[in-house]
Each structure stands twice: as C-alpha cells, then as structure tokens.
Amino acid sequence: MSELQSKLEQALAVVGDGTMSDVSEQYLQVVEQAPMAISISDLSANILYVNRYFTEITGYSVEELEGKKHSVLSYKTTPIEVYQQLWGCISAGKNWQGTLINRKKNGQRYLAEVSIKGLYNRAGEITHYVGMHRDISQRHDNQTKVANQKAMVEAVLNTAPVAIALIDEHQSVLLDNLSYKTLASDFGREPVDIVLQQLKQSAGDDEGLLHLAEGQQFNVEVGSGGHKRWFSCCLSSVELNDGNVDDYFTPTVSRFLVLTLSEFTRERRRQERQRLIELQRSTEESEALHVMQEVLHAAIHQIQGPINMIDSALNMFCGGATQCARIDAMQAGLKAGHAAVDQLQNALPERPHEPMQSVNINQLVHEVTEMSNQRLLARSISMQLSLNGTLPAFTGQPSRIRVALKQLLDNAIDAIDYAKMPRREIICCTQRVDDDIEITFEDSGPGLKKELQLKIFEPFYSTKPLSSNSCRGVGLSIVQQVVSEHNGTVQYQSTSLGGCKAKLVLPLRVTKRA
C-alpha cells in the first residue's frame, strides 16, 4: 500500500515549499482512523487501499484485499439489478448510495450502507473510486424489531373489542386501532371530536381532555332516534419524552391520553326493551285498576239512583209510621240495595300511593309512543312527534299522566282504525303556553260532532262500534279524572287533519287535590 500512499501524497502535495506534505499525512491518518470502512479502487473495482476499520468489519487483512476486486465481499442475495444500477450511476460520474448484502471472511453476512463516488484528475477524468460503508446490521435489526413490535401492538389493538386512540395536547390522534377507524368512518368525523363536543355541552367543559382525571369514565351518545348509539369512555394518561435535540440533557416530558370507547348499544337497547316491557306491564295494570274503579263508581252511581227513589217512595207511603205491612217487600228491596252498594264500595280497589315528583312530559310522550308502536305499525298509521325540547319539568304523578296520555293515543288510533280512514296519521305536539304545558293529539279520523265534545267524557258513553273489543266509555273518564287531579283541563276540538284534536293542558304549578 506504500505505492498508493505515495500517489495520494503526490496528489495532495503543493509544488513549492512542500508545506502540504504535513496536510497529506494528516489526511491519511484521518482516513485510516475514520469510524467507517473506506476503500479506494481503480476503474475496474480492484482494491488499492482500505483503512483499518474496513479490515475490522470484513475480517480480511490488508494483504488479503490488495489487488482483489470488490466482488470478494458480494453475496448472492443482493439482486443483480442493484449492482447494475450502481455501475450505471458511477460510470456516468454520479454518486451512488444504497444498501448491499456483504459477506465477511468467515462467511457471515452483514448489511452494508454504501456510498461510492469518483475521484477526478486535473483533466476532469475519473481515475479512481472511493467507497465508504458501515455495518448497519444491528440498526436494521433494531428497526425490524421496532417495526415488528409496532405491528404486533397494532394487531393486538385491532383485535380489541373497543376503540382506542392516543391523543396529544392538541386533541390530535397520534395512534388508533381498527375499531377507532371504523367508528370514524361510521360517524364521518373523529370520535374524539364527538367526545369533546358532548363534554362541552353536558358540563360546559371547554378545556379539552388533558385536564380530566386519570381513569375518569363517562358515557356519550351518538346519533338520534333508532340510530342512536351509546359508548362508555375511559381516559388514562401516559408521559413520553419529547425527543427534541435541545432536550437531550434535560428531557422534557409531555402528557398524552389514551381514550377508549366501548360500545354498549346492544346492552342499552336490551335494557330499554326490558324497561319498556316493564313500563307497559305497569301501565296496563294501572289502566285496569282505573277501569275497575270507574266501572264500580259508575255502577254504584247507577244503583244509587233507584235506591234513592225507593227510599223516597217509602217515606211517602208510610209517612212517619214505623210499621207498614203494604211495603214490607219494598223495604226488603231497599235493604238489599244498600247492601249491594256497600259491597261494591268495599270492592273498590285502592290505588297505590304515588308521590308528586318532577315529570318530563316529552319522555312520557316518547314512552307512550313506543308502547303503541306495534299497534301503529299493524294499522299502517304514521306517528309524528313535534315536541318542544326546552319544555320545563312538570310536578305531578308520572304513572297517572302516562295512563292519560296512552288513553288519548289509543282513542286516536281507534278512531282512524274503526272508520277505515284512507289517511292514517297522528300528530302529537308539546309546547309551553304561558304557565301551562299543552299536549295535543291530532288524528285523521272521522271527527267528532260539536254536541258530543263534552258528552264523550261521561262514563260508559262511547262513539266506538259495539263490536269493539276494548272497554267502551271508560278511557276518557279516566283521562278527565287524572287531569282534574292535576288541576288541568282536557277537551276535544276539530283539526286540520279532518279528525279530532285532544288538547290536554297542565299548569306548571300544581297543588295536589285532597
């Protein structure tokens, strides 16, 4: 190698005082001690010079490499196209950078990151090639392990039955799993944005997620109506180093959040169905109780009339006499009548006590509508709700009001069904009018004559056909009783749909009647 060193020194020397000889020596020392493999070859790739690091990487000595071609390091797993591209590039006077699979003297393969460029003479002609490479096998192995670990983590996350996302301080998603991506596709927006929006709406929270407590859980609702979905959310934090160059000696830690969204829509709907079934059962029991009370009260009232007439007749016939043989039979009948009335009064069922409480009228309307869905669908009747979303809470007995609302809806359904109306539509509205809550049910039934608008509230009076399976003439008297207990009013009017409008007005300030 002394010949090459001599040539390099001659190329670096400056004609004159020879001061560059020191520089050339220093240059050779730098090259020799450089922490990367450096080689110089002729235009045929014959090795002319290698530095010490080159021998350490390859395992070959200087003598073993001198005059050998660089192909001594080549290994068959490097595609031939790579070498073709390499030679095409350096032959054209361009620099080439790439990766080759090389082989050491002991046969061990290693990954070499290679850079090759030409050396020019004063005439601008390439005379030699200088190559530099380093063993990046360990780096490649580390990168592969990191990539594999990332792939395994993603695989685990993607199989998780919950949506998971890593969020930075700007509420941006840095990492998510397949379930999260699916939700983002379903919603047409980032789920984290929906969570932030609902937090802001429900609690006036405008500070984002990072200030929330570790492990905090909350629920969010997405969608509306039959498309509504429910999710349970949980937050956990993780602190990571920023990795900035300026923070090398004093690392800066940033806080990130892991957001998980677990959907419980199926369970929520099952609970809603179970609640609705239980609600329907209790409402039917309340309706049956109301019907029985109304029937017995009406029967007592009907029996009491003749009894009072017989009692008056006895007083007329007997005057003040204590014995009157002519009317013994009438007295026996009167006694039996009083006994029958007493038995009926004793048979009156007691209504369970229900305290006055805050009532969401819109919720009751929704519940009544859900309970009647099957009847509406079976009769091809469309139900439209126009509910005031800012309706204030009302103080009353929810189960009693629910029964009254269901009776009004049932009457509207029956009116359309029995009349075989071609237009089959019901509209329910709620609104606040001054200090009252107004609930209306409009139907497209046959309507009601004006002279019957009061009579229909009398017990046992009904406009339904005799073939009706329901209890005729009881429902509206129950409605009137419930409304009266809440100091409200109920009336029937004409409607633009061609049928009737049941208008129920409840005052917001209610004093329970004794």
Protein backbone atom coordinates (compact mmCIF):
# COMPACT_ATOMS: atom_id res chain seq x y z
CA MET A 1 0.00 0.00 0.00
CA SER A 2 3.04 2.29 0.19
CA GLU A 3 2.79 2.93 -3.55
CA LEU A 4 -0.81 4.19 -3.18
CA GLN A 5 0.17 6.30 -0.20
CA SER A 6 2.92 7.82 -2.33
CA LYS A 7 0.45 8.60 -5.09
CA LEU A 8 -2.01 10.12 -2.63
CA GLU A 9 0.74 12.25 -1.13
CA GLN A 10 1.78 13.41 -4.58
CA ALA A 11 -1.80 14.34 -5.41
CA LEU A 12 -2.15 16.31 -2.20
CA ALA A 13 1.27 17.96 -2.19
CA VAL A 14 1.68 21.52 -3.34
CA VAL A 15 4.57 22.39 -5.52
CA GLY A 16 6.72 24.90 -3.68
CA ASP A 17 7.71 24.87 -0.10
CA GLY A 18 6.16 21.45 0.49
CA THR A 19 4.01 22.57 3.42
CA MET A 20 1.11 20.36 2.22
CA SER A 21 3.08 17.19 2.96
CA ASP A 22 2.03 17.55 6.58
CA VAL A 23 -1.56 18.04 5.47
CA SER A 24 -1.47 14.92 3.29
CA GLU A 25 -0.08 12.93 6.19
CA GLN A 26 -2.82 14.18 8.44
CA TYR A 27 -5.35 13.38 5.74
CA LEU A 28 -4.12 9.79 5.53
CA GLN A 29 -4.30 9.47 9.30
CA VAL A 30 -7.87 10.74 9.32
CA VAL A 31 -8.84 8.27 6.62
CA GLU A 32 -7.03 5.44 8.38
CA GLN A 33 -8.71 6.13 11.71
CA ALA A 34 -12.17 7.05 10.39
CA PRO A 35 -15.00 5.11 12.13
CA MET A 36 -16.27 3.72 8.83
CA ALA A 37 -14.90 1.38 6.18
CA ILE A 38 -13.14 3.33 3.41
CA SER A 39 -11.68 1.84 0.27
CA ILE A 40 -10.11 3.16 -2.94
CA SER A 41 -10.22 1.14 -6.11
CA ASP A 42 -9.34 1.59 -9.76
CA LEU A 43 -11.87 1.82 -12.54
CA SER A 44 -12.10 -1.99 -12.68
CA ALA A 45 -13.02 -2.20 -8.99
CA ASN A 46 -9.63 -3.58 -8.00
CA ILE A 47 -8.92 -2.66 -4.40
CA LEU A 48 -5.92 -0.34 -3.99
CA TYR A 49 -6.43 0.84 -0.44
CA VAL A 50 -8.55 0.02 2.63
CA ASN A 51 -8.43 1.61 6.04
CA ARG A 52 -8.23 -0.15 9.37
CA TYR A 53 -11.99 -0.08 10.01
CA PHE A 54 -12.53 -1.82 6.68
CA THR A 55 -10.46 -4.79 7.84
CA GLU A 56 -12.23 -4.86 11.21
CA ILE A 57 -15.67 -5.08 9.58
CA THR A 58 -14.82 -7.62 6.87
CA GLY A 59 -12.30 -9.76 8.76
CA TYR A 60 -9.86 -9.60 5.83
CA SER A 61 -6.32 -8.32 6.27
CA VAL A 62 -4.83 -5.57 4.10
CA GLU A 63 -2.65 -8.11 2.27
CA GLU A 64 -5.65 -10.36 1.53
CA LEU A 65 -7.55 -7.48 -0.04
CA GLU A 66 -4.80 -5.82 -2.03
CA GLY A 67 -5.50 -6.21 -5.76
CA LYS A 68 -8.72 -8.12 -5.16
CA LYS A 69 -11.97 -6.98 -6.70
CA HIS A 70 -14.70 -5.58 -4.51
CA SER A 71 -16.84 -8.53 -5.52
CA VAL A 72 -14.96 -10.51 -2.88
CA LEU A 73 -17.47 -9.02 -0.46
CA SER A 74 -20.55 -9.55 -2.62
CA TYR A 75 -23.22 -12.05 -1.70
CA LYS A 76 -25.75 -13.69 -3.96
CA THR A 77 -28.82 -12.42 -2.06
CA THR A 78 -28.19 -8.90 -3.34
CA PRO A 79 -30.24 -8.64 -6.57
CA ILE A 80 -28.19 -8.25 -9.75
CA GLU A 81 -30.31 -5.20 -10.62
CA VAL A 82 -28.81 -3.36 -7.65
CA TYR A 83 -25.27 -3.84 -8.97
CA GLN A 84 -26.36 -2.82 -12.47
CA GLN A 85 -27.86 0.38 -11.13
CA LEU A 86 -24.70 1.01 -9.05
CA TRP A 87 -22.31 0.72 -12.03
CA GLY A 88 -24.59 2.69 -14.29
CA CYS A 89 -24.61 5.52 -11.78
CA ILE A 90 -20.86 5.78 -11.01
CA SER A 91 -19.88 5.21 -14.66
CA ALA A 92 -21.90 8.30 -15.51
CA GLY A 93 -19.91 10.29 -12.94
CA LYS A 94 -22.69 10.36 -10.36
CA ASN A 95 -22.56 9.44 -6.72
CA TRP A 96 -24.31 6.21 -5.64
CA GLN A 97 -25.79 5.48 -2.27
CA GLY A 98 -27.58 2.32 -1.31
CA THR A 99 -27.58 -0.87 0.71
CA LEU A 100 -25.82 -4.14 -0.14
CA ILE A 101 -25.70 -7.52 1.49
CA ASN A 102 -21.97 -8.23 2.02
CA ARG A 103 -20.13 -11.30 3.26
CA LYS A 104 -17.27 -11.30 5.75
CA LYS A 105 -14.24 -13.54 5.54
CA ASN A 106 -15.86 -16.03 7.93
CA GLY A 107 -18.95 -16.23 5.73
CA GLN A 108 -21.16 -14.12 8.00
CA ARG A 109 -23.46 -11.77 6.13
CA TYR A 110 -23.96 -8.19 7.12
CA LEU A 111 -25.93 -5.25 5.80
CA ALA A 112 -23.73 -2.50 4.38
CA GLU A 113 -24.83 1.10 3.89
CA VAL A 114 -22.62 2.10 0.93
CA SER A 115 -21.65 5.40 -0.68
CA ILE A 116 -19.42 5.46 -3.84
CA LYS A 117 -18.09 8.42 -5.77
CA GLY A 118 -15.40 9.03 -8.37
CA LEU A 119 -12.04 10.77 -7.87
CA TYR A 120 -11.05 13.16 -10.68
CA ASN A 121 -7.66 14.24 -12.02
CA ARG A 122 -6.78 17.74 -13.17
CA ALA A 123 -8.20 16.96 -16.60
CA GLY A 124 -11.57 16.21 -15.03
CA GLU A 125 -11.34 12.49 -15.67
CA ILE A 126 -12.33 9.80 -13.17
CA THR A 127 -9.22 7.88 -12.16
CA HIS A 128 -10.38 6.07 -9.05
CA TYR A 129 -13.44 5.27 -6.99
CA VAL A 130 -13.66 5.87 -3.28
CA GLY A 131 -16.16 3.81 -1.36
CA MET A 132 -17.37 4.21 2.19
CA HIS A 133 -19.63 1.82 4.02
CA ARG A 134 -20.72 0.91 7.50
CA ASP A 135 -22.29 -2.18 9.00
CA ILE A 136 -25.91 -1.34 9.72
CA SER A 137 -26.98 -4.88 10.55
CA GLN A 138 -27.67 -4.01 14.19
CA ARG A 139 -29.55 -0.86 13.23
CA HIS A 140 -31.59 -2.83 10.70
CA ASP A 141 -32.26 -5.48 13.33
CA ASN A 142 -33.38 -2.84 15.82
CA GLN A 143 -35.59 -1.15 13.24
CA THR A 144 -37.07 -4.51 12.28
CA LYS A 145 -37.76 -5.33 15.91
CA VAL A 146 -39.39 -1.93 16.43
CA ALA A 147 -41.47 -2.38 13.27
CA ASN A 148 -42.43 -5.90 14.36
CA GLN A 149 -43.32 -4.70 17.84
CA LYS A 150 -45.41 -1.91 16.33
CA ALA A 151 -47.12 -4.43 14.04
CA MET A 152 -47.78 -6.77 16.98
CA VAL A 153 -49.12 -3.92 19.11
CA GLU A 154 -51.34 -2.81 16.26
CA ALA A 155 -52.51 -6.40 15.76
CA VAL A 156 -53.38 -6.66 19.45
CA LEU A 157 -55.11 -3.27 19.41
CA ASN A 158 -57.01 -4.13 16.23
CA THR A 159 -58.38 -7.30 17.80
CA ALA A 160 -59.54 -5.39 20.89
CA PRO A 161 -63.35 -5.09 21.05
CA VAL A 162 -63.05 -1.40 21.96
CA ALA A 163 -61.93 1.69 20.06
CA ILE A 164 -58.56 3.02 21.26
CA ALA A 165 -56.77 6.25 20.38
CA LEU A 166 -53.65 8.04 21.64
CA ILE A 167 -54.27 11.79 21.82
CA ASP A 168 -51.79 14.65 22.18
CA GLU A 169 -52.22 18.02 23.85
CA HIS A 170 -53.80 19.46 20.70
CA GLN A 171 -56.54 16.79 20.72
CA SER A 172 -54.96 15.21 17.64
CA VAL A 173 -54.98 11.44 17.23
CA LEU A 174 -51.44 10.04 17.01
CA LEU A 175 -52.25 6.35 17.09
CA ASP A 176 -55.52 4.44 16.79
CA ASN A 177 -56.79 0.95 16.19
CA LEU A 178 -59.11 -0.54 13.60
CA SER A 179 -62.20 -0.16 15.79
CA TYR A 180 -61.50 3.55 16.17
CA LYS A 181 -61.02 3.93 12.40
CA THR A 182 -64.32 2.11 11.85
CA LEU A 183 -66.13 4.48 14.21
CA ALA A 184 -64.55 7.47 12.47
CA SER A 185 -65.85 6.11 9.16
CA ASP A 186 -69.32 5.48 10.63
CA PHE A 187 -69.55 8.94 12.19
CA GLY A 188 -67.92 10.83 9.31
CA ARG A 189 -65.69 12.59 11.85
CA GLU A 190 -63.16 11.87 14.59
CA PRO A 191 -64.81 10.19 17.62
CA VAL A 192 -62.59 12.31 19.90
CA ASP A 193 -64.28 15.42 18.46
CA ILE A 194 -67.69 13.97 19.37
CA VAL A 195 -66.50 13.24 22.90
CA LEU A 196 -65.20 16.80 23.28
CA GLN A 197 -68.44 18.25 21.95
CA GLN A 198 -70.60 16.27 24.37
CA LEU A 199 -68.36 17.11 27.31
CA LYS A 200 -68.71 20.77 26.42
CA GLN A 201 -72.50 20.52 26.09
CA SER A 202 -73.08 18.49 29.24
CA ALA A 203 -70.67 20.19 31.62
CA GLY A 204 -69.62 23.39 29.91
CA ASP A 205 -66.18 21.82 29.51
CA ASP A 206 -64.11 23.83 27.06
CA GLU A 207 -60.63 22.83 28.25
CA GLY A 208 -60.25 19.63 26.27
CA LEU A 209 -59.41 16.20 27.59
CA LEU A 210 -55.94 16.59 29.09
CA HIS A 211 -57.18 18.24 32.29
CA LEU A 212 -59.53 15.34 33.09
CA ALA A 213 -58.64 12.98 35.90
CA GLU A 214 -56.77 9.74 35.35
CA GLY A 215 -59.19 6.84 34.88
CA GLN A 216 -62.21 9.10 34.52
CA GLN A 217 -65.19 7.37 32.93
CA PHE A 218 -68.23 8.85 31.24
CA ASN A 219 -70.83 7.94 28.63
CA VAL A 220 -71.54 9.57 25.29
CA GLU A 221 -74.46 9.26 22.89
CA VAL A 222 -74.10 9.44 19.13
CA GLY A 223 -76.94 9.77 16.65
CA SER A 224 -80.65 10.07 17.31
CA GLY A 225 -83.82 8.05 17.21
CA GLY A 226 -83.43 4.45 16.13
CA HIS A 227 -79.85 5.13 15.02
CA LYS A 228 -78.64 6.27 18.44
CA ARG A 229 -75.54 4.53 19.79
CA TRP A 230 -74.11 4.56 23.30
CA PHE A 231 -70.44 4.38 24.33
CA SER A 232 -68.63 4.13 27.63
CA CYS A 233 -65.43 6.20 27.57
CA CYS A 234 -62.37 5.89 29.77
CA LEU A 235 -59.23 8.04 29.92
CA SER A 236 -55.74 7.03 31.01
CA SER A 237 -52.56 9.06 30.66
CA VAL A 238 -49.03 8.27 29.53
CA GLU A 239 -45.95 10.50 29.79
CA LEU A 240 -43.43 10.42 26.94
CA ASN A 241 -40.13 12.25 26.30
CA ASP A 242 -40.37 14.88 23.58
CA GLY A 243 -37.14 13.78 21.86
CA ASN A 244 -36.11 17.29 20.83
CA VAL A 245 -32.39 17.90 20.35
CA ASP A 246 -32.44 20.75 22.89
CA ASP A 247 -33.91 18.39 25.49
CA TYR A 248 -31.15 15.78 25.23
CA PHE A 249 -29.56 16.57 28.59
CA THR A 250 -32.75 17.71 30.34
CA PRO A 251 -35.59 15.68 28.80
CA THR A 252 -38.99 17.34 28.61
CA VAL A 253 -41.96 15.10 29.33
CA SER A 254 -45.32 15.57 27.61
CA ARG A 255 -48.61 14.06 28.75
CA PHE A 256 -50.70 12.07 26.32
CA LEU A 257 -54.08 10.46 26.80
CA VAL A 258 -55.33 7.03 25.84
CA LEU A 259 -59.04 7.23 25.04
CA THR A 260 -61.07 4.01 24.92
CA LEU A 261 -64.64 3.84 23.67
CA SER A 262 -66.60 0.70 24.48
CA GLU A 263 -69.97 0.44 22.76
CA PHE A 264 -72.86 -0.82 24.86
CA THR A 265 -75.64 -0.04 22.41
CA ARG A 266 -76.86 -3.64 22.34
CA GLU A 267 -76.98 -3.82 26.13
CA ARG A 268 -78.61 -0.39 26.35
CA ARG A 269 -81.28 -1.37 23.84
CA ARG A 270 -81.88 -4.62 25.70
CA GLN A 271 -82.30 -2.63 28.90
CA GLU A 272 -84.58 -0.19 27.10
CA ARG A 273 -86.69 -3.06 25.77
CA GLN A 274 -86.87 -4.60 29.23
CA ARG A 275 -87.74 -1.23 30.74
CA LEU A 276 -90.42 -0.69 28.10
CA ILE A 277 -91.90 -4.14 28.76
CA GLU A 278 -91.98 -3.43 32.48
CA LEU A 279 -93.39 0.03 31.84
CA GLN A 280 -96.09 -1.39 29.57
CA ARG A 281 -96.99 -4.01 32.16
CA SER A 282 -97.30 -1.45 34.95
CA THR A 283 -99.26 0.90 32.67
CA GLU A 284 -101.67 -1.89 31.73
CA GLU A 285 -102.11 -2.70 35.42
CA SER A 286 -102.79 0.97 36.16
CA GLU A 287 -105.25 1.13 33.27
CA ALA A 288 -107.03 -1.99 34.52
CA LEU A 289 -107.18 -0.51 38.01
CA HIS A 290 -108.56 2.75 36.67
CA VAL A 291 -111.12 0.93 34.56
CA MET A 292 -112.26 -1.15 37.53
CA GLN A 293 -112.57 1.94 39.69
CA GLU A 294 -114.51 3.81 37.05
CA VAL A 295 -116.82 0.87 36.38
CA LEU A 296 -117.55 0.32 40.08
CA HIS A 297 -118.06 4.03 40.70
CA ALA A 298 -120.41 4.19 37.74
CA ALA A 299 -122.25 1.05 38.90
CA ILE A 300 -122.66 2.47 42.40
CA HIS A 301 -123.93 5.70 40.89
CA GLN A 302 -126.41 3.85 38.68
CA ILE A 303 -127.70 1.67 41.54
CA GLN A 304 -127.88 4.54 43.99
CA GLY A 305 -130.47 6.33 41.80
CA PRO A 306 -133.20 3.66 42.05
CA ILE A 307 -132.40 3.13 45.74
CA ASN A 308 -132.97 6.81 46.41
CA MET A 309 -136.28 6.67 44.51
CA ILE A 310 -137.45 3.65 46.52
CA ASP A 311 -136.43 5.34 49.75
CA SER A 312 -138.41 8.45 48.80
CA ALA A 313 -141.45 6.36 47.86
CA LEU A 314 -141.35 4.52 51.19
CA ASN A 315 -141.35 7.82 53.04
CA MET A 316 -144.34 8.96 51.02
CA PHE A 317 -146.33 5.75 51.53
CA CYS A 318 -145.60 5.20 55.20
CA GLY A 319 -145.24 8.73 56.40
CA GLY A 320 -143.88 8.65 59.93
CA ALA A 321 -145.15 5.14 60.72
CA THR A 322 -142.62 2.63 61.90
CA GLN A 323 -144.61 -0.34 60.57
CA CYS A 324 -146.35 -0.55 57.22
CA ALA A 325 -147.40 -4.01 56.05
CA ARG A 326 -148.03 -2.88 52.49
CA ILE A 327 -144.50 -2.04 51.78
CA ASP A 328 -142.54 -4.78 53.53
CA ALA A 329 -141.31 -6.03 50.19
CA MET A 330 -140.12 -2.55 49.20
CA GLN A 331 -138.20 -2.21 52.45
CA ALA A 332 -136.55 -5.57 51.90
CA GLY A 333 -135.55 -4.50 48.40
CA LEU A 334 -134.21 -1.20 49.73
CA LYS A 335 -132.17 -3.02 52.35
CA ALA A 336 -130.75 -5.35 49.70
CA GLY A 337 -129.89 -2.34 47.52
CA HIS A 338 -127.96 -0.65 50.32
CA ALA A 339 -126.14 -3.90 50.98
CA ALA A 340 -125.20 -4.19 47.29
CA VAL A 341 -123.86 -0.62 47.26
CA ASP A 342 -121.83 -1.35 50.38
CA GLN A 343 -120.38 -4.47 48.75
CA LEU A 344 -119.43 -2.52 45.63
CA GLN A 345 -117.80 0.20 47.69
CA ASN A 346 -115.86 -2.39 49.63
CA ALA A 347 -114.77 -3.95 46.33
CA LEU A 348 -113.26 -0.69 45.08
CA PRO A 349 -109.52 -1.34 44.67
CA GLU A 350 -107.12 1.01 46.40
CA ARG A 351 -104.85 2.91 44.11
CA PRO A 352 -101.14 2.63 45.06
CA HIS A 353 -99.81 5.85 46.52
CA GLU A 354 -97.66 7.80 44.10
CA PRO A 355 -95.91 10.92 45.36
CA MET A 356 -95.80 14.12 43.38
CA GLN A 357 -92.46 14.40 41.59
CA SER A 358 -90.68 16.09 38.71
CA VAL A 359 -92.06 14.82 35.40
CA ASN A 360 -90.55 15.07 31.91
CA ILE A 361 -93.62 15.31 29.69
CA ASN A 362 -91.65 14.69 26.50
CA GLN A 363 -90.23 11.50 27.95
CA LEU A 364 -93.73 10.29 28.84
CA VAL A 365 -94.87 11.01 25.27
CA HIS A 366 -91.92 9.02 23.91
CA GLU A 367 -92.70 6.12 26.24
CA VAL A 368 -96.38 6.06 25.29
CA THR A 369 -95.46 6.19 21.59
CA GLU A 370 -93.00 3.30 21.98
CA MET A 371 -95.61 1.24 23.81
CA SER A 372 -98.05 1.81 20.92
CA ASN A 373 -95.56 1.20 18.11
CA GLN A 374 -96.84 -2.28 17.33
CA ARG A 375 -100.45 -1.09 17.09
CA LEU A 376 -99.43 1.81 14.87
CA LEU A 377 -97.38 -0.40 12.55
CA ALA A 378 -100.07 -3.09 12.36
CA ARG A 379 -102.62 -0.45 11.28
CA SER A 380 -100.26 1.45 8.96
CA ILE A 381 -100.70 4.65 10.97
CA SER A 382 -97.86 7.17 10.89
CA MET A 383 -96.99 8.90 14.15
CA GLN A 384 -95.33 12.30 14.04
CA LEU A 385 -93.87 13.94 17.15
CA SER A 386 -93.35 17.67 17.41
CA LEU A 387 -92.00 18.14 20.92
CA ASN A 388 -90.63 21.29 22.47
CA GLY A 389 -87.09 20.40 23.52
CA THR A 390 -86.94 23.18 26.13
CA LEU A 391 -90.13 22.16 27.90
CA PRO A 392 -89.74 22.71 31.67
CA ALA A 393 -90.23 19.93 34.19
CA PHE A 394 -93.76 19.43 35.50
CA THR A 395 -94.66 18.39 39.04
CA GLY A 396 -97.13 15.52 39.05
CA GLN A 397 -97.69 11.77 39.18
CA PRO A 398 -95.91 10.27 36.15
CA SER A 399 -97.71 6.91 36.06
CA ARG A 400 -101.14 8.61 36.23
CA ILE A 401 -100.26 11.07 33.47
CA ARG A 402 -98.79 8.25 31.38
CA VAL A 403 -102.10 6.38 31.60
CA ALA A 404 -104.00 9.50 30.49
CA LEU A 405 -101.68 10.10 27.52
CA LYS A 406 -101.94 6.47 26.44
CA GLN A 407 -105.74 6.64 26.57
CA LEU A 408 -105.72 9.70 24.31
CA LEU A 409 -103.34 7.99 21.85
CA ASP A 410 -105.37 4.77 21.92
CA ASN A 411 -108.54 6.74 21.17
CA ALA A 412 -106.84 8.41 18.18
CA ILE A 413 -105.68 5.02 16.85
CA ASP A 414 -109.15 3.50 17.33
CA ALA A 415 -110.84 6.45 15.62
CA ILE A 416 -108.73 6.02 12.48
CA ASP A 417 -108.92 2.21 12.52
CA TYR A 418 -112.65 1.76 13.09
CA ALA A 419 -113.58 4.36 10.47
CA LYS A 420 -111.26 2.74 7.88
CA MET A 421 -109.87 6.16 7.00
CA PRO A 422 -107.63 6.34 3.90
CA ARG A 423 -105.48 9.00 5.53
CA ARG A 424 -103.88 7.44 8.59
CA GLU A 425 -101.89 9.97 10.55
CA ILE A 426 -101.47 11.14 14.15
CA ILE A 427 -99.53 14.20 15.26
CA CYS A 428 -98.53 14.77 18.88
CA CYS A 429 -97.23 18.18 19.97
CA THR A 430 -95.98 19.60 23.25
CA GLN A 431 -95.41 23.25 23.99
CA ARG A 432 -95.39 25.78 26.77
CA VAL A 433 -98.15 28.38 26.74
CA ASP A 434 -97.60 30.97 29.46
CA ASP A 435 -97.52 28.97 32.73
CA ASP A 436 -99.10 25.85 31.25
CA ILE A 437 -97.86 22.79 29.39
CA GLU A 438 -100.05 21.91 26.43
CA ILE A 439 -100.15 18.43 24.93
CA THR A 440 -102.20 17.69 21.82
CA PHE A 441 -103.04 14.54 19.86
CA GLU A 442 -104.42 15.21 16.37
CA ASP A 443 -105.80 12.36 14.27
CA SER A 444 -107.12 11.98 10.74
CA GLY A 445 -110.17 10.05 11.90
CA PRO A 446 -113.84 10.82 11.15
CA GLY A 447 -114.00 13.71 13.62
CA LEU A 448 -116.49 14.45 16.37
CA LYS A 449 -119.73 16.41 16.32
CA LYS A 450 -119.66 19.56 18.41
CA GLU A 451 -122.56 18.44 20.62
CA LEU A 452 -120.55 15.32 21.60
CA GLN A 453 -117.35 17.08 22.61
CA LEU A 454 -118.43 17.14 26.28
CA LYS A 455 -120.65 14.05 26.33
CA ILE A 456 -117.78 11.72 25.44
CA PHE A 457 -116.28 12.26 28.91
CA GLU A 458 -119.39 10.75 30.58
CA PRO A 459 -118.89 7.22 31.96
CA PHE A 460 -119.98 4.44 29.58
CA TYR A 461 -120.61 6.76 26.68
CA SER A 462 -118.61 5.81 23.59
CA THR A 463 -118.52 6.51 19.88
CA LYS A 464 -116.80 3.18 19.23
CA PRO A 465 -118.78 0.44 17.47
CA LEU A 466 -120.42 -2.24 19.60
CA SER A 467 -118.03 -4.80 18.09
CA SER A 468 -115.11 -3.05 19.76
CA ASN A 469 -113.03 -5.36 21.97
CA SER A 470 -111.92 -2.54 24.27
CA CYS A 471 -113.78 -1.29 27.29
CA ARG A 472 -116.21 1.26 25.86
CA GLY A 473 -116.90 4.58 27.52
CA VAL A 474 -114.29 4.40 30.29
CA GLY A 475 -111.00 5.71 28.85
CA LEU A 476 -111.89 9.41 28.58
CA SER A 477 -113.48 9.49 32.04
CA ILE A 478 -110.14 8.20 33.34
CA VAL A 479 -108.34 10.98 31.41
CA GLN A 480 -110.66 13.58 32.88
CA GLN A 481 -110.11 12.26 36.40
CA VAL A 482 -106.29 12.30 36.03
CA VAL A 483 -106.29 15.79 34.52
CA SER A 484 -108.62 17.07 37.24
CA GLU A 485 -106.27 15.69 39.93
CA HIS A 486 -103.51 17.83 38.40
CA ASN A 487 -105.72 20.94 38.16
CA GLY A 488 -105.65 20.72 34.39
CA THR A 489 -108.21 20.62 31.58
CA VAL A 490 -108.89 18.35 28.63
CA GLN A 491 -111.11 18.98 25.62
CA TYR A 492 -111.69 17.85 22.06
CA GLN A 493 -111.59 20.20 19.08
CA SER A 494 -111.64 20.00 15.32
CA THR A 495 -108.34 19.66 13.48
CA SER A 496 -106.90 20.41 10.07
CA LEU A 497 -106.30 16.68 9.61
CA GLY A 498 -110.07 16.21 9.40
CA GLY A 499 -110.40 14.31 12.67
CA CYS A 500 -110.17 15.35 16.31
CA LYS A 501 -107.64 17.18 18.41
CA ALA A 502 -107.40 16.14 22.05
CA LYS A 503 -105.96 19.10 23.93
CA LEU A 504 -104.61 18.49 27.43
CA VAL A 505 -103.44 21.49 29.48
CA LEU A 506 -101.46 21.05 32.70
CA PRO A 507 -100.44 24.02 34.88
CA LEU A 508 -96.77 24.14 35.81
CA ARG A 509 -97.71 24.98 39.38
CA VAL A 510 -99.84 22.15 40.69
CA THR A 511 -101.46 21.78 44.08
CA LYS A 512 -102.43 18.16 44.68
CA ARG A 513 -106.11 17.82 45.41
CA ALA A 514 -107.17 16.05 48.57
